[in-house]
Amino acid sequence: MIPAFACLMQAGGNDNTKMKIFHISDLHLDIKYKRSNYIKTRSLFEQITAEGFDHLIISGDISENADASSLGLGRNLLEKFGLLDRSKTTLIIGNHDIFGGVYFAEDVINFPSKCIATDYHRKVEQFEYYFRETFQNIIAAKKNTFFPFVKEFDDFVLIGLNSIAKYSLMRNPMASNGTISKEQISSAAKIIKHSSFNNKRRIVISHHHFSKHKIHAVRNTYALWRMIESQSIKLRKKKSIIKQLKALDVEMVLHGHKHCTQQYERKGIRFINAGSSVLGHRANEINIVEINVTPGGITSKFRKFHTDNIISSSKKRRLPVQFNKRIHDPEEISLN
């Protein structure tokens, strides 16, 4: 069994009055097909490393298909750029990191049986093991899993939640719907009730979004597919969850899952989606959310970069040898 346990210690902090955080999500790294995602993620890391920052947050779906090789791609990239460290990076799990997804239309038929055969807890352990350095010295409520967890910094705490629902043919047929149990939130509440957290701002990290979906007219097959998909990426009971987060004085929630960049507010809580970090609608575009935390407040802004304008730190950008020659099949589809 892969070990998964944590201890009660402070995660570290920053002596400066301002802490600069980059938030990204949904990298969907894959050893077989999504070579462009790897190239854009590498460019993204080159950009933020050259610019400088204090902490990186990745809100799930690091891999596309939950396989060891693809998780290894993510681990190797973080290690290459000196980010495989709990003081530099905080990340959480996404639905693709447990159940994977579908590549082609014909895969949809076999996807339910694949999900039924998936050992949910084992996949969570696998994810925690591959990125174990980032979970070191977290404050965790349980000994058999890192979720939920708290990382403490000088002026704020990060609360990491697992929002991935277990598979159900009726309630979660695409394995992309989410849920956050009352037990998770109450466990996190017990941790942050400690007096040392009283004056610290509270930021939650969840993979699933809290936004309201608007249904638009369907004009083509692709639009129909996107409409069906949007109905299968919901976070269940989000109104109740928002109410519980509000009771914990949570100021900001960072998430991904929907492949877009957006900011919205619900019940006085600011939500920021970084789901289009490498999956933007424009080729070679990467999107980063910059967050600055000071004793006086939290500010955020969206930033766009073009990969062609990013100067590589290495003379040759070699791809891992595992990649095959094909970059992308035009009929390939993906689920959030």
C-alpha atoms as a PDB file:
ATOM      1  CA  MET A   1       0.000   0.000   0.000  1.00  0.00           C
ATOM      2  CA  ILE A   2       1.286   3.453  -0.894  1.00  0.00           C
ATOM      3  CA  PRO A   3       1.836   5.457   2.292  1.00  0.00           C
ATOM      4  CA  ALA A   4      -0.415   8.473   2.741  1.00  0.00           C
ATOM      5  CA  PHE A   5      -0.191  10.325   5.998  1.00  0.00           C
ATOM      6  CA  ALA A   6       0.662  13.815   7.213  1.00  0.00           C
ATOM      7  CA  CYS A   7       1.744  15.607  10.343  1.00  0.00           C
ATOM      8  CA  LEU A   8       0.898  18.842  12.095  1.00  0.00           C
ATOM      9  CA  MET A   9       3.467  21.461  11.122  1.00  0.00           C
ATOM     10  CA  GLN A  10       3.541  24.899   9.560  1.00  0.00           C
ATOM     11  CA  ALA A  11       4.051  24.834   5.813  1.00  0.00           C
ATOM     12  CA  GLY A  12       6.224  27.884   5.780  1.00  0.00           C
ATOM     13  CA  GLY A  13       5.709  31.471   4.788  1.00  0.00           C
ATOM     14  CA  ASN A  14       7.140  34.601   3.290  1.00  0.00           C
ATOM     15  CA  ASP A  15       8.891  37.385   5.143  1.00  0.00           C
ATOM     16  CA  ASN A  16       7.726  39.975   2.597  1.00  0.00           C
ATOM     17  CA  THR A  17       4.492  41.911   3.057  1.00  0.00           C
ATOM     18  CA  LYS A  18       3.166  40.615  -0.272  1.00  0.00           C
ATOM     19  CA  MET A  19       2.967  37.031  -1.452  1.00  0.00           C
ATOM     20  CA  LYS A  20       2.664  36.422  -5.187  1.00  0.00           C
ATOM     21  CA  ILE A  21       0.728  33.301  -6.142  1.00  0.00           C
ATOM     22  CA  PHE A  22       0.076  31.821  -9.579  1.00  0.00           C
ATOM     23  CA  HIS A  23      -3.049  29.716  -9.998  1.00  0.00           C
ATOM     24  CA  ILE A  24      -3.346  27.247 -12.895  1.00  0.00           C
ATOM     25  CA  SER A  25      -5.505  24.192 -13.553  1.00  0.00           C
ATOM     26  CA  ASP A  26      -6.461  21.394 -15.943  1.00  0.00           C
ATOM     27  CA  LEU A  27      -3.119  20.640 -17.562  1.00  0.00           C
ATOM     28  CA  HIS A  28      -4.418  17.279 -18.846  1.00  0.00           C
ATOM     29  CA  LEU A  29      -0.952  15.879 -19.458  1.00  0.00           C
ATOM     30  CA  ASP A  30      -1.016  12.654 -21.430  1.00  0.00           C
ATOM     31  CA  ILE A  31       1.728  10.351 -22.666  1.00  0.00           C
ATOM     32  CA  LYS A  32      -0.173   9.169 -25.751  1.00  0.00           C
ATOM     33  CA  TYR A  33      -2.064  11.940 -27.504  1.00  0.00           C
ATOM     34  CA  LYS A  34      -1.983  15.388 -25.929  1.00  0.00           C
ATOM     35  CA  ARG A  35       1.550  16.452 -26.741  1.00  0.00           C
ATOM     36  CA  SER A  36       0.480  20.082 -27.182  1.00  0.00           C
ATOM     37  CA  ASN A  37      -0.637  20.177 -23.533  1.00  0.00           C
ATOM     38  CA  TYR A  38       2.851  19.151 -22.449  1.00  0.00           C
ATOM     39  CA  ILE A  39       4.485  21.807 -24.650  1.00  0.00           C
ATOM     40  CA  LYS A  40       2.203  24.549 -23.331  1.00  0.00           C
ATOM     41  CA  THR A  41       2.639  23.456 -19.705  1.00  0.00           C
ATOM     42  CA  ARG A  42       6.401  23.510 -20.093  1.00  0.00           C
ATOM     43  CA  SER A  43       6.202  26.995 -21.614  1.00  0.00           C
ATOM     44  CA  LEU A  44       3.959  28.083 -18.754  1.00  0.00           C
ATOM     45  CA  PHE A  45       6.513  26.884 -16.195  1.00  0.00           C
ATOM     46  CA  GLU A  46       9.291  28.637 -18.104  1.00  0.00           C
ATOM     47  CA  GLN A  47       7.324  31.881 -17.994  1.00  0.00           C
ATOM     48  CA  ILE A  48       6.489  31.868 -14.294  1.00  0.00           C
ATOM     49  CA  THR A  49       9.962  30.660 -13.290  1.00  0.00           C
ATOM     50  CA  ALA A  50      11.645  33.445 -15.270  1.00  0.00           C
ATOM     51  CA  GLU A  51       9.279  36.033 -13.810  1.00  0.00           C
ATOM     52  CA  GLY A  52       9.483  34.834 -10.227  1.00  0.00           C
ATOM     53  CA  PHE A  53       6.743  34.063  -7.736  1.00  0.00           C
ATOM     54  CA  ASP A  54       6.227  32.754  -4.222  1.00  0.00           C
ATOM     55  CA  HIS A  55       3.752  29.906  -4.624  1.00  0.00           C
ATOM     56  CA  LEU A  56       2.004  27.863  -7.334  1.00  0.00           C
ATOM     57  CA  ILE A  57      -1.493  26.398  -6.982  1.00  0.00           C
ATOM     58  CA  ILE A  58      -2.761  23.695  -9.371  1.00  0.00           C
ATOM     59  CA  SER A  59      -6.443  22.884  -8.884  1.00  0.00           C
ATOM     60  CA  GLY A  60      -6.640  19.390 -10.359  1.00  0.00           C
ATOM     61  CA  ASP A  61      -6.615  17.393 -13.598  1.00  0.00           C
ATOM     62  CA  ILE A  62      -2.853  17.322 -13.892  1.00  0.00           C
ATOM     63  CA  SER A  63      -3.205  14.162 -15.958  1.00  0.00           C
ATOM     64  CA  GLU A  64      -5.638  13.265 -18.714  1.00  0.00           C
ATOM     65  CA  ASN A  65      -6.025   9.557 -18.092  1.00  0.00           C
ATOM     66  CA  ALA A  66      -4.922   8.857 -14.487  1.00  0.00           C
ATOM     67  CA  ASP A  67      -2.123   6.541 -15.638  1.00  0.00           C
ATOM     68  CA  ALA A  68       1.279   6.384 -13.997  1.00  0.00           C
ATOM     69  CA  SER A  69       3.160   7.580 -17.091  1.00  0.00           C
ATOM     70  CA  SER A  70       1.058  10.734 -17.445  1.00  0.00           C
ATOM     71  CA  LEU A  71       1.248  11.520 -13.725  1.00  0.00           C
ATOM     72  CA  GLY A  72       4.978  11.001 -14.110  1.00  0.00           C
ATOM     73  CA  LEU A  73       5.045  13.697 -16.796  1.00  0.00           C
ATOM     74  CA  GLY A  74       3.581  16.149 -14.327  1.00  0.00           C
ATOM     75  CA  ARG A  75       5.956  15.099 -11.586  1.00  0.00           C
ATOM     76  CA  ASN A  76       8.998  15.404 -13.868  1.00  0.00           C
ATOM     77  CA  LEU A  77       7.978  18.884 -15.051  1.00  0.00           C
ATOM     78  CA  LEU A  78       7.529  20.125 -11.496  1.00  0.00           C
ATOM     79  CA  GLU A  79      10.858  18.615 -10.513  1.00  0.00           C
ATOM     80  CA  LYS A  80      12.648  20.103 -13.528  1.00  0.00           C
ATOM     81  CA  PHE A  81      11.557  23.617 -12.594  1.00  0.00           C
ATOM     82  CA  GLY A  82      12.211  23.197  -8.877  1.00  0.00           C
ATOM     83  CA  LEU A  83       8.505  23.143  -8.021  1.00  0.00           C
ATOM     84  CA  LEU A  84       8.205  19.686  -6.474  1.00  0.00           C
ATOM     85  CA  ASP A  85       8.306  21.236  -3.027  1.00  0.00           C
ATOM     86  CA  ARG A  86       5.556  21.926  -0.495  1.00  0.00           C
ATOM     87  CA  SER A  87       6.810  25.483   0.054  1.00  0.00           C
ATOM     88  CA  LYS A  88       6.570  26.238  -3.680  1.00  0.00           C
ATOM     89  CA  THR A  89       3.527  24.255  -4.840  1.00  0.00           C
ATOM     90  CA  THR A  90       0.096  23.221  -3.586  1.00  0.00           C
ATOM     91  CA  LEU A  91      -2.048  20.942  -5.713  1.00  0.00           C
ATOM     92  CA  ILE A  92      -5.231  18.932  -5.458  1.00  0.00           C
ATOM     93  CA  ILE A  93      -6.745  16.027  -7.345  1.00  0.00           C
ATOM     94  CA  GLY A  94      -9.139  16.240 -10.321  1.00  0.00           C
ATOM     95  CA  ASN A  95     -11.598  13.760 -11.799  1.00  0.00           C
ATOM     96  CA  HIS A  96      -9.202  12.920 -14.659  1.00  0.00           C
ATOM     97  CA  ASP A  97      -6.558  12.044 -12.052  1.00  0.00           C
ATOM     98  CA  ILE A  98      -8.874   9.276 -10.805  1.00  0.00           C
ATOM     99  CA  PHE A  99     -11.083   8.102 -13.680  1.00  0.00           C
ATOM    100  CA  GLY A 100      -9.289   9.436 -16.749  1.00  0.00           C
ATOM    101  CA  GLY A 101     -11.378  10.374 -19.739  1.00  0.00           C
ATOM    102  CA  VAL A 102     -12.275   9.478 -23.297  1.00  0.00           C
ATOM    103  CA  TYR A 103     -10.130  10.184 -26.325  1.00  0.00           C
ATOM    104  CA  PHE A 104     -12.489   9.318 -29.163  1.00  0.00           C
ATOM    105  CA  ALA A 105     -16.237   9.055 -29.630  1.00  0.00           C
ATOM    106  CA  GLU A 106     -16.138   5.253 -29.617  1.00  0.00           C
ATOM    107  CA  ASP A 107     -14.453   5.294 -26.176  1.00  0.00           C
ATOM    108  CA  VAL A 108     -17.664   6.631 -24.634  1.00  0.00           C
ATOM    109  CA  ILE A 109     -19.208   3.149 -24.903  1.00  0.00           C
ATOM    110  CA  ASN A 110     -16.498   1.510 -22.804  1.00  0.00           C
ATOM    111  CA  PHE A 111     -15.989   4.386 -20.364  1.00  0.00           C
ATOM    112  CA  PRO A 112     -18.626   3.303 -17.783  1.00  0.00           C
ATOM    113  CA  SER A 113     -17.104  -0.166 -17.400  1.00  0.00           C
ATOM    114  CA  LYS A 114     -13.667   1.433 -17.025  1.00  0.00           C
ATOM    115  CA  CYS A 115     -14.978   3.685 -14.248  1.00  0.00           C
ATOM    116  CA  ILE A 116     -16.712   0.815 -12.452  1.00  0.00           C
ATOM    117  CA  ALA A 117     -13.421  -1.092 -12.416  1.00  0.00           C
ATOM    118  CA  THR A 118     -11.506   1.902 -11.038  1.00  0.00           C
ATOM    119  CA  ASP A 119     -10.383   1.638  -7.425  1.00  0.00           C
ATOM    120  CA  TYR A 120     -11.201   5.170  -6.250  1.00  0.00           C
ATOM    121  CA  HIS A 121      -9.138   5.116  -3.052  1.00  0.00           C
ATOM    122  CA  ARG A 122      -6.175   3.507  -4.746  1.00  0.00           C
ATOM    123  CA  LYS A 123      -6.182   6.238  -7.399  1.00  0.00           C
ATOM    124  CA  VAL A 124      -6.221   8.929  -4.719  1.00  0.00           C
ATOM    125  CA  GLU A 125      -3.254   7.220  -3.055  1.00  0.00           C
ATOM    126  CA  GLN A 126      -1.469   7.062  -6.399  1.00  0.00           C
ATOM    127  CA  PHE A 127      -1.928  10.797  -6.932  1.00  0.00           C
ATOM    128  CA  GLU A 128      -0.758  11.602  -3.417  1.00  0.00           C
ATOM    129  CA  TYR A 129       2.303   9.410  -3.900  1.00  0.00           C
ATOM    130  CA  TYR A 130       3.386  10.966  -7.211  1.00  0.00           C
ATOM    131  CA  PHE A 131       3.231  14.473  -5.733  1.00  0.00           C
ATOM    132  CA  ARG A 132       4.084  13.530  -2.146  1.00  0.00           C
ATOM    133  CA  GLU A 133       6.699  16.267  -1.729  1.00  0.00           C
ATOM    134  CA  THR A 134       4.032  18.954  -2.120  1.00  0.00           C
ATOM    135  CA  PHE A 135       2.009  17.379   0.715  1.00  0.00           C
ATOM    136  CA  GLN A 136       4.854  17.278   3.222  1.00  0.00           C
ATOM    137  CA  ASN A 137       4.123  18.946   6.558  1.00  0.00           C
ATOM    138  CA  ILE A 138       0.526  19.738   5.732  1.00  0.00           C
ATOM    139  CA  ILE A 139      -2.077  19.785   8.484  1.00  0.00           C
ATOM    140  CA  ALA A 140      -4.342  16.848   7.691  1.00  0.00           C
ATOM    141  CA  ALA A 141      -7.427  15.566   9.464  1.00  0.00           C
ATOM    142  CA  LYS A 142      -6.941  11.904   8.586  1.00  0.00           C
ATOM    143  CA  LYS A 143      -4.070   9.437   8.514  1.00  0.00           C
ATOM    144  CA  ASN A 144      -5.177   7.462   5.459  1.00  0.00           C
ATOM    145  CA  THR A 145      -5.538  10.403   3.066  1.00  0.00           C
ATOM    146  CA  PHE A 146      -4.233  13.940   2.711  1.00  0.00           C
ATOM    147  CA  PHE A 147      -7.701  15.379   2.027  1.00  0.00           C
ATOM    148  CA  PRO A 148      -8.860  17.686   3.440  1.00  0.00           C
ATOM    149  CA  PHE A 149      -5.657  19.501   4.341  1.00  0.00           C
ATOM    150  CA  VAL A 150      -4.480  22.926   5.441  1.00  0.00           C
ATOM    151  CA  LYS A 151      -1.250  24.740   4.603  1.00  0.00           C
ATOM    152  CA  GLU A 152      -0.364  27.701   6.767  1.00  0.00           C
ATOM    153  CA  PHE A 153       1.409  30.836   5.576  1.00  0.00           C
ATOM    154  CA  ASP A 154       2.101  34.146   7.269  1.00  0.00           C
ATOM    155  CA  ASP A 155      -1.138  35.927   6.313  1.00  0.00           C
ATOM    156  CA  PHE A 156      -3.413  33.146   5.039  1.00  0.00           C
ATOM    157  CA  VAL A 157      -4.174  29.445   4.981  1.00  0.00           C
ATOM    158  CA  LEU A 158      -4.870  27.204   1.988  1.00  0.00           C
ATOM    159  CA  ILE A 159      -7.592  24.586   2.463  1.00  0.00           C
ATOM    160  CA  GLY A 160      -7.370  21.715  -0.028  1.00  0.00           C
ATOM    161  CA  LEU A 161     -10.523  19.687  -0.696  1.00  0.00           C
ATOM    162  CA  ASN A 162     -11.214  16.581  -2.762  1.00  0.00           C
ATOM    163  CA  SER A 163     -14.337  17.382  -4.801  1.00  0.00           C
ATOM    164  CA  ILE A 164     -14.323  14.209  -6.920  1.00  0.00           C
ATOM    165  CA  ALA A 165     -17.492  12.143  -6.628  1.00  0.00           C
ATOM    166  CA  LYS A 166     -17.338   8.364  -6.771  1.00  0.00           C
ATOM    167  CA  TYR A 167     -18.656   6.760  -9.919  1.00  0.00           C
ATOM    168  CA  SER A 168     -22.361   6.105 -10.309  1.00  0.00           C
ATOM    169  CA  LEU A 169     -24.090   5.058 -13.497  1.00  0.00           C
ATOM    170  CA  MET A 170     -27.094   7.186 -12.551  1.00  0.00           C
ATOM    171  CA  ARG A 171     -25.665  10.163 -10.642  1.00  0.00           C
ATOM    172  CA  ASN A 172     -22.198  10.384 -12.152  1.00  0.00           C
ATOM    173  CA  PRO A 173     -22.270   8.616 -15.547  1.00  0.00           C
ATOM    174  CA  MET A 174     -19.345  10.578 -17.022  1.00  0.00           C
ATOM    175  CA  ALA A 175     -17.328  10.447 -13.771  1.00  0.00           C
ATOM    176  CA  SER A 176     -17.077  14.226 -13.918  1.00  0.00           C
ATOM    177  CA  ASN A 177     -19.684  15.378 -11.401  1.00  0.00           C
ATOM    178  CA  GLY A 178     -18.445  16.474  -8.015  1.00  0.00           C
ATOM    179  CA  THR A 179     -19.317  16.457  -4.352  1.00  0.00           C
ATOM    180  CA  ILE A 180     -17.760  17.789  -1.156  1.00  0.00           C
ATOM    181  CA  SER A 181     -18.956  15.947   1.919  1.00  0.00           C
ATOM    182  CA  LYS A 182     -19.963  17.657   5.149  1.00  0.00           C
ATOM    183  CA  GLU A 183     -17.313  15.498   6.803  1.00  0.00           C
ATOM    184  CA  GLN A 184     -14.557  17.095   4.714  1.00  0.00           C
ATOM    185  CA  ILE A 185     -15.671  20.615   5.533  1.00  0.00           C
ATOM    186  CA  SER A 186     -16.211  19.855   9.222  1.00  0.00           C
ATOM    187  CA  SER A 187     -12.755  18.248   9.385  1.00  0.00           C
ATOM    188  CA  ALA A 188     -11.218  21.357   7.832  1.00  0.00           C
ATOM    189  CA  ALA A 189     -13.243  23.510  10.243  1.00  0.00           C
ATOM    190  CA  LYS A 190     -11.788  21.675  13.236  1.00  0.00           C
ATOM    191  CA  ILE A 191      -8.280  22.418  11.993  1.00  0.00           C
ATOM    192  CA  ILE A 192      -8.744  26.133  11.308  1.00  0.00           C
ATOM    193  CA  LYS A 193     -10.581  26.717  14.588  1.00  0.00           C
ATOM    194  CA  HIS A 194      -7.165  26.676  16.227  1.00  0.00           C
ATOM    195  CA  SER A 195      -6.377  30.110  17.667  1.00  0.00           C
ATOM    196  CA  SER A 196      -3.250  30.468  15.510  1.00  0.00           C
ATOM    197  CA  PHE A 197      -5.485  30.764  12.416  1.00  0.00           C
ATOM    198  CA  ASN A 198      -7.854  33.406  13.800  1.00  0.00           C
ATOM    199  CA  ASN A 199      -6.447  36.372  11.896  1.00  0.00           C
ATOM    200  CA  LYS A 200      -5.430  34.566   8.728  1.00  0.00           C
ATOM    201  CA  ARG A 201      -7.317  34.851   5.436  1.00  0.00           C
ATOM    202  CA  ARG A 202      -8.807  31.605   4.191  1.00  0.00           C
ATOM    203  CA  ILE A 203      -8.527  30.346   0.624  1.00  0.00           C
ATOM    204  CA  VAL A 204     -10.115  27.073  -0.507  1.00  0.00           C
ATOM    205  CA  ILE A 205      -8.890  24.965  -3.423  1.00  0.00           C
ATOM    206  CA  SER A 206     -11.449  22.727  -5.144  1.00  0.00           C
ATOM    207  CA  HIS A 207     -11.407  21.134  -8.564  1.00  0.00           C
ATOM    208  CA  HIS A 208     -15.111  21.582  -9.293  1.00  0.00           C
ATOM    209  CA  HIS A 209     -16.706  24.900 -10.096  1.00  0.00           C
ATOM    210  CA  PHE A 210     -19.507  26.729  -8.270  1.00  0.00           C
ATOM    211  CA  SER A 211     -20.814  28.779 -11.194  1.00  0.00           C
ATOM    212  CA  LYS A 212     -24.321  28.711 -12.615  1.00  0.00           C
ATOM    213  CA  HIS A 213     -24.603  27.176 -16.071  1.00  0.00           C
ATOM    214  CA  LYS A 214     -26.562  28.984 -18.751  1.00  0.00           C
ATOM    215  CA  ILE A 215     -28.132  26.870 -21.498  1.00  0.00           C
ATOM    216  CA  HIS A 216     -27.705  28.304 -24.990  1.00  0.00           C
ATOM    217  CA  ALA A 217     -29.285  27.352 -28.292  1.00  0.00           C
ATOM    218  CA  VAL A 218     -27.802  24.241 -29.933  1.00  0.00           C
ATOM    219  CA  ARG A 219     -26.724  24.923 -33.512  1.00  0.00           C
ATOM    220  CA  ASN A 220     -24.482  21.963 -34.357  1.00  0.00           C
ATOM    221  CA  THR A 221     -23.236  18.579 -33.145  1.00  0.00           C
ATOM    222  CA  TYR A 222     -20.301  20.083 -31.280  1.00  0.00           C
ATOM    223  CA  ALA A 223     -22.589  22.499 -29.444  1.00  0.00           C
ATOM    224  CA  LEU A 224     -24.876  19.595 -28.547  1.00  0.00           C
ATOM    225  CA  TRP A 225     -21.928  17.640 -27.143  1.00  0.00           C
ATOM    226  CA  ARG A 226     -20.797  20.638 -25.103  1.00  0.00           C
ATOM    227  CA  MET A 227     -24.308  21.075 -23.730  1.00  0.00           C
ATOM    228  CA  ILE A 228     -24.468  17.405 -22.670  1.00  0.00           C
ATOM    229  CA  GLU A 229     -20.998  17.688 -21.182  1.00  0.00           C
ATOM    230  CA  SER A 230     -21.877  20.829 -19.221  1.00  0.00           C
ATOM    231  CA  GLN A 231     -24.724  18.963 -17.547  1.00  0.00           C
ATOM    232  CA  SER A 232     -22.314  16.265 -16.373  1.00  0.00           C
ATOM    233  CA  ILE A 233     -19.675  18.442 -14.690  1.00  0.00           C
ATOM    234  CA  LYS A 234     -21.770  19.743 -11.831  1.00  0.00           C
ATOM    235  CA  LEU A 235     -20.873  20.090  -8.187  1.00  0.00           C
ATOM    236  CA  ARG A 236     -23.818  18.660  -6.286  1.00  0.00           C
ATOM    237  CA  LYS A 237     -25.375  20.641  -3.429  1.00  0.00           C
ATOM    238  CA  LYS A 238     -23.159  23.624  -4.133  1.00  0.00           C
ATOM    239  CA  LYS A 239     -25.560  26.046  -2.419  1.00  0.00           C
ATOM    240  CA  SER A 240     -25.164  24.114   0.818  1.00  0.00           C
ATOM    241  CA  ILE A 241     -21.389  23.923   0.368  1.00  0.00           C
ATOM    242  CA  ILE A 242     -21.146  27.671  -0.243  1.00  0.00           C
ATOM    243  CA  LYS A 243     -23.126  28.262   2.950  1.00  0.00           C
ATOM    244  CA  GLN A 244     -20.707  26.060   4.901  1.00  0.00           C
ATOM    245  CA  LEU A 245     -17.683  27.818   3.407  1.00  0.00           C
ATOM    246  CA  LYS A 246     -19.196  31.163   4.273  1.00  0.00           C
ATOM    247  CA  ALA A 247     -19.544  29.995   7.886  1.00  0.00           C
ATOM    248  CA  LEU A 248     -15.799  29.268   7.864  1.00  0.00           C
ATOM    249  CA  ASP A 249     -15.049  32.860   6.750  1.00  0.00           C
ATOM    250  CA  VAL A 250     -13.614  31.632   3.453  1.00  0.00           C
ATOM    251  CA  GLU A 251     -12.706  34.649   1.332  1.00  0.00           C
ATOM    252  CA  MET A 252     -11.731  33.004  -1.965  1.00  0.00           C
ATOM    253  CA  VAL A 253     -12.203  29.680  -3.750  1.00  0.00           C
ATOM    254  CA  LEU A 254      -9.787  28.627  -6.510  1.00  0.00           C
ATOM    255  CA  HIS A 255     -10.904  25.932  -8.941  1.00  0.00           C
ATOM    256  CA  GLY A 256     -10.783  24.583 -12.484  1.00  0.00           C
ATOM    257  CA  HIS A 257     -12.838  21.856 -14.222  1.00  0.00           C
ATOM    258  CA  LYS A 258     -14.622  24.178 -16.672  1.00  0.00           C
ATOM    259  CA  HIS A 259     -12.085  24.997 -19.366  1.00  0.00           C
ATOM    260  CA  CYS A 260     -12.395  28.753 -19.221  1.00  0.00           C
ATOM    261  CA  THR A 261     -11.000  31.632 -17.201  1.00  0.00           C
ATOM    262  CA  GLN A 262     -13.514  33.484 -15.087  1.00  0.00           C
ATOM    263  CA  GLN A 263     -14.127  35.267 -11.825  1.00  0.00           C
ATOM    264  CA  TYR A 264     -17.496  35.473 -10.096  1.00  0.00           C
ATOM    265  CA  GLU A 265     -18.952  36.030  -6.648  1.00  0.00           C
ATOM    266  CA  ARG A 266     -21.498  34.061  -4.665  1.00  0.00           C
ATOM    267  CA  LYS A 267     -22.641  34.927  -1.142  1.00  0.00           C
ATOM    268  CA  GLY A 268     -19.709  37.283  -0.689  1.00  0.00           C
ATOM    269  CA  ILE A 269     -17.093  34.662  -1.640  1.00  0.00           C
ATOM    270  CA  ARG A 270     -14.887  35.301  -4.658  1.00  0.00           C
ATOM    271  CA  PHE A 271     -14.480  32.320  -7.025  1.00  0.00           C
ATOM    272  CA  ILE A 272     -11.691  32.122  -9.599  1.00  0.00           C
ATOM    273  CA  ASN A 273     -11.545  29.530 -12.369  1.00  0.00           C
ATOM    274  CA  ALA A 274      -8.185  28.819 -14.038  1.00  0.00           C
ATOM    275  CA  GLY A 275      -9.462  25.942 -16.179  1.00  0.00           C
ATOM    276  CA  SER A 276      -8.108  27.308 -19.452  1.00  0.00           C
ATOM    277  CA  SER A 277      -4.446  27.500 -18.406  1.00  0.00           C
ATOM    278  CA  VAL A 278      -3.363  25.383 -21.394  1.00  0.00           C
ATOM    279  CA  LEU A 279      -6.762  24.590 -22.908  1.00  0.00           C
ATOM    280  CA  GLY A 280      -7.695  28.035 -24.171  1.00  0.00           C
ATOM    281  CA  HIS A 281      -9.654  28.477 -27.357  1.00  0.00           C
ATOM    282  CA  ARG A 282      -6.654  29.990 -29.156  1.00  0.00           C
ATOM    283  CA  ALA A 283      -3.676  27.899 -30.218  1.00  0.00           C
ATOM    284  CA  ASN A 284      -0.407  28.513 -28.367  1.00  0.00           C
ATOM    285  CA  GLU A 285      -2.128  30.646 -25.720  1.00  0.00           C
ATOM    286  CA  ILE A 286      -1.616  30.054 -22.019  1.00  0.00           C
ATOM    287  CA  ASN A 287      -3.593  31.685 -19.230  1.00  0.00           C
ATOM    288  CA  ILE A 288      -2.418  32.347 -15.686  1.00  0.00           C
ATOM    289  CA  VAL A 289      -4.200  33.816 -12.683  1.00  0.00           C
ATOM    290  CA  GLU A 290      -1.956  36.026 -10.578  1.00  0.00           C
ATOM    291  CA  ILE A 291      -3.008  36.451  -6.947  1.00  0.00           C
ATOM    292  CA  ASN A 292      -1.325  38.798  -4.500  1.00  0.00           C
ATOM    293  CA  VAL A 293      -1.931  38.360  -0.786  1.00  0.00           C
ATOM    294  CA  THR A 294      -1.112  41.168   1.631  1.00  0.00           C
ATOM    295  CA  PRO A 295      -2.122  41.836   5.226  1.00  0.00           C
ATOM    296  CA  GLY A 296      -4.659  44.281   3.806  1.00  0.00           C
ATOM    297  CA  GLY A 297      -6.369  42.007   1.303  1.00  0.00           C
ATOM    298  CA  ILE A 298      -6.225  39.735  -1.732  1.00  0.00           C
ATOM    299  CA  THR A 299      -6.069  40.981  -5.319  1.00  0.00           C
ATOM    300  CA  SER A 300      -6.183  38.954  -8.532  1.00  0.00           C
ATOM    301  CA  LYS A 301      -5.750  39.450 -12.262  1.00  0.00           C
ATOM    302  CA  PHE A 302      -5.870  37.313 -15.387  1.00  0.00           C
ATOM    303  CA  ARG A 303      -2.829  37.180 -17.642  1.00  0.00           C
ATOM    304  CA  LYS A 304      -2.346  35.746 -21.129  1.00  0.00           C
ATOM    305  CA  PHE A 305       0.862  34.695 -22.849  1.00  0.00           C
ATOM    306  CA  HIS A 306       1.708  33.329 -26.268  1.00  0.00           C
ATOM    307  CA  THR A 307       4.082  30.379 -26.216  1.00  0.00           C
ATOM    308  CA  ASP A 308       6.058  31.742 -29.185  1.00  0.00           C
ATOM    309  CA  ASN A 309       6.997  34.798 -27.109  1.00  0.00           C
ATOM    310  CA  ILE A 310       8.332  32.849 -24.137  1.00  0.00           C
ATOM    311  CA  ILE A 311      12.108  32.548 -24.065  1.00  0.00           C
ATOM    312  CA  SER A 312      13.204  29.040 -23.134  1.00  0.00           C
ATOM    313  CA  SER A 313      15.809  28.602 -20.421  1.00  0.00           C
ATOM    314  CA  SER A 314      17.296  25.703 -22.392  1.00  0.00           C
ATOM    315  CA  LYS A 315      18.689  25.803 -25.911  1.00  0.00           C
ATOM    316  CA  LYS A 316      16.819  22.705 -27.016  1.00  0.00           C
ATOM    317  CA  ARG A 317      13.256  21.913 -25.969  1.00  0.00           C
ATOM    318  CA  ARG A 318      13.319  18.147 -26.258  1.00  0.00           C
ATOM    319  CA  LEU A 319      10.150  16.178 -25.730  1.00  0.00           C
ATOM    320  CA  PRO A 320      10.077  13.050 -23.560  1.00  0.00           C
ATOM    321  CA  VAL A 321      10.919  10.005 -25.650  1.00  0.00           C
ATOM    322  CA  GLN A 322       7.613   8.353 -24.690  1.00  0.00           C
ATOM    323  CA  PHE A 323       5.645  10.677 -26.955  1.00  0.00           C
ATOM    324  CA  ASN A 324       4.696   9.215 -30.288  1.00  0.00           C
ATOM    325  CA  LYS A 325       4.769  11.309 -33.465  1.00  0.00           C
ATOM    326  CA  ARG A 326       1.085  12.126 -33.697  1.00  0.00           C
ATOM    327  CA  ILE A 327       0.136  15.324 -31.866  1.00  0.00           C
ATOM    328  CA  HIS A 328      -3.647  15.404 -32.034  1.00  0.00           C
ATOM    329  CA  ASP A 329      -6.387  13.542 -33.797  1.00  0.00           C
ATOM    330  CA  PRO A 330      -8.988  15.947 -35.227  1.00  0.00           C
ATOM    331  CA  GLU A 331     -11.793  13.649 -34.045  1.00  0.00           C
ATOM    332  CA  GLU A 332     -10.449  13.481 -30.500  1.00  0.00           C
ATOM    333  CA  ILE A 333     -12.847  14.639 -27.785  1.00  0.00           C
ATOM    334  CA  SER A 334     -12.423  15.261 -24.106  1.00  0.00           C
ATOM    335  CA  LEU A 335     -14.506  15.490 -20.969  1.00  0.00           C
ATOM    336  CA  ASN A 336     -13.747  18.052 -18.287  1.00  0.00           C
END
